[in-house]
Amino acid sequence: MSNIFKDGVLVDVNVCFWSGAKALTPDDLGLDPAKVTNAFKLGKKFLVPEEVIKSFRTIEGRARRVVEKNSFRFPIGNAYFVPRKKFAAVLDDLKMYQVQYNHLVDDLIENYDHYRQAMIPVYREAAETAFLTMQPEGVQTFNIDDREADKANYVSQFLARIEKYYPTVQSLRARYSLDWALYEVAMPKMHKGEGQQIIEDDATRESMEKEYRDQFSKKVGTFFDDVVKTLRGETMELCNRIVSNIKSGKVVKSRTLDSLRSFIDKFGDMNFVGDIKVEEQLETLRKEFLNTHTTEEIEEQGDLQEELKRRLGVVMDAASDVSDINSITGEYQRKVSWQEEEAEAV
């Protein structure tokens, strides 16, 4: 028996950050809440330039995508199952994005005062707009000095209210982090000593343990099915797109062939469950066609493009046949042990 976590690792990306924004309230602008709808459009306002915060979001998105692209969504918890053959590359990318994220934190701290100063004109304009909107309609103010003084006082109070939403520069670093958790899942046991504290009857304890084990195995069994279906679905999508292009008279370019080669590599790396039928068809396509003809030959010769179309059709036929999925996943499940003593730490 083998443990599934010899074939892959559960990865959960964790990101903490200060949003750098504040949802304005009527009080922030000194407005009567009952008059906000007509008086001023409230919304989220950035306390530092928006592009600064977006840069953090960009790195976070890239880190999450590199995991999602090279994994399968696991049915327990919020983690993704990354096959072992993909794990080293995924980990290298995560470390790279972590470094980039920390550089952004350094930049934010170094330029924090500059970014805050850059937002003052934005909020000053917002405050002046709010002040003018608050003025009663049809009322003329003849003393311009008094009106300007009132506006200046209003703007000053508004900026003071906004100021309190800024964290101190010393606290910024603790608000940001990009890291990940790596872990395994073993079939839980209700050990007798622990179980007696809440369940006196051994028969009841054993029954509950069996029920949990059955539910757990059912969830994971569905996960294995989804792995095979996902890989076959991606295979169908890529092959069908290339076949459709050939049928429509489009010339197969080097970029398309490169993507096909990359996908064959990916399928082999992701196929930990053992979908041999489709993997062998893809490998045959690589060995007997992609490796025996140059990209230039395939681009220039119509008969080779027709042959590629035929071979892709064979791959699609194999991928579209779902009758063998249960036997593939069933065989893999029979090899899997969830016993606690067999689990290995990552």
Foldseek 3Di string as FASTA:
>chain_A
DAACVVFWWWKDKDKFADQQKDFDDCVLLVHDNVCPVPQHDTGIDGQFDPVLNVVLVVLVVVLVVLQVVQFAQAPPDGITIHTPLCVVVSVVSLVVSQVVNVVSLVVCLVCVVVRNVVCLVVLLVVNLSSLVSPDDPPDDDPPVVVSVVVSVVSSVSSVVSVVVPDDDSVCRVVRTGIDMDIWDAFLDACDPVNCCVPDVDPVVRVVVSVVSVVVVLVSVLVSLLVLLLVLLVVLLVLLVVLLVCLVVPHFDAPVSVVVLVVSLVSCVRSVSLCPPQLNVLSVCCCVVQVVVDDRVCSRPDSVSSVVSNVSSVVSNVSSVDPPCSCVSSVVSSVVHHRHPVNDDTD
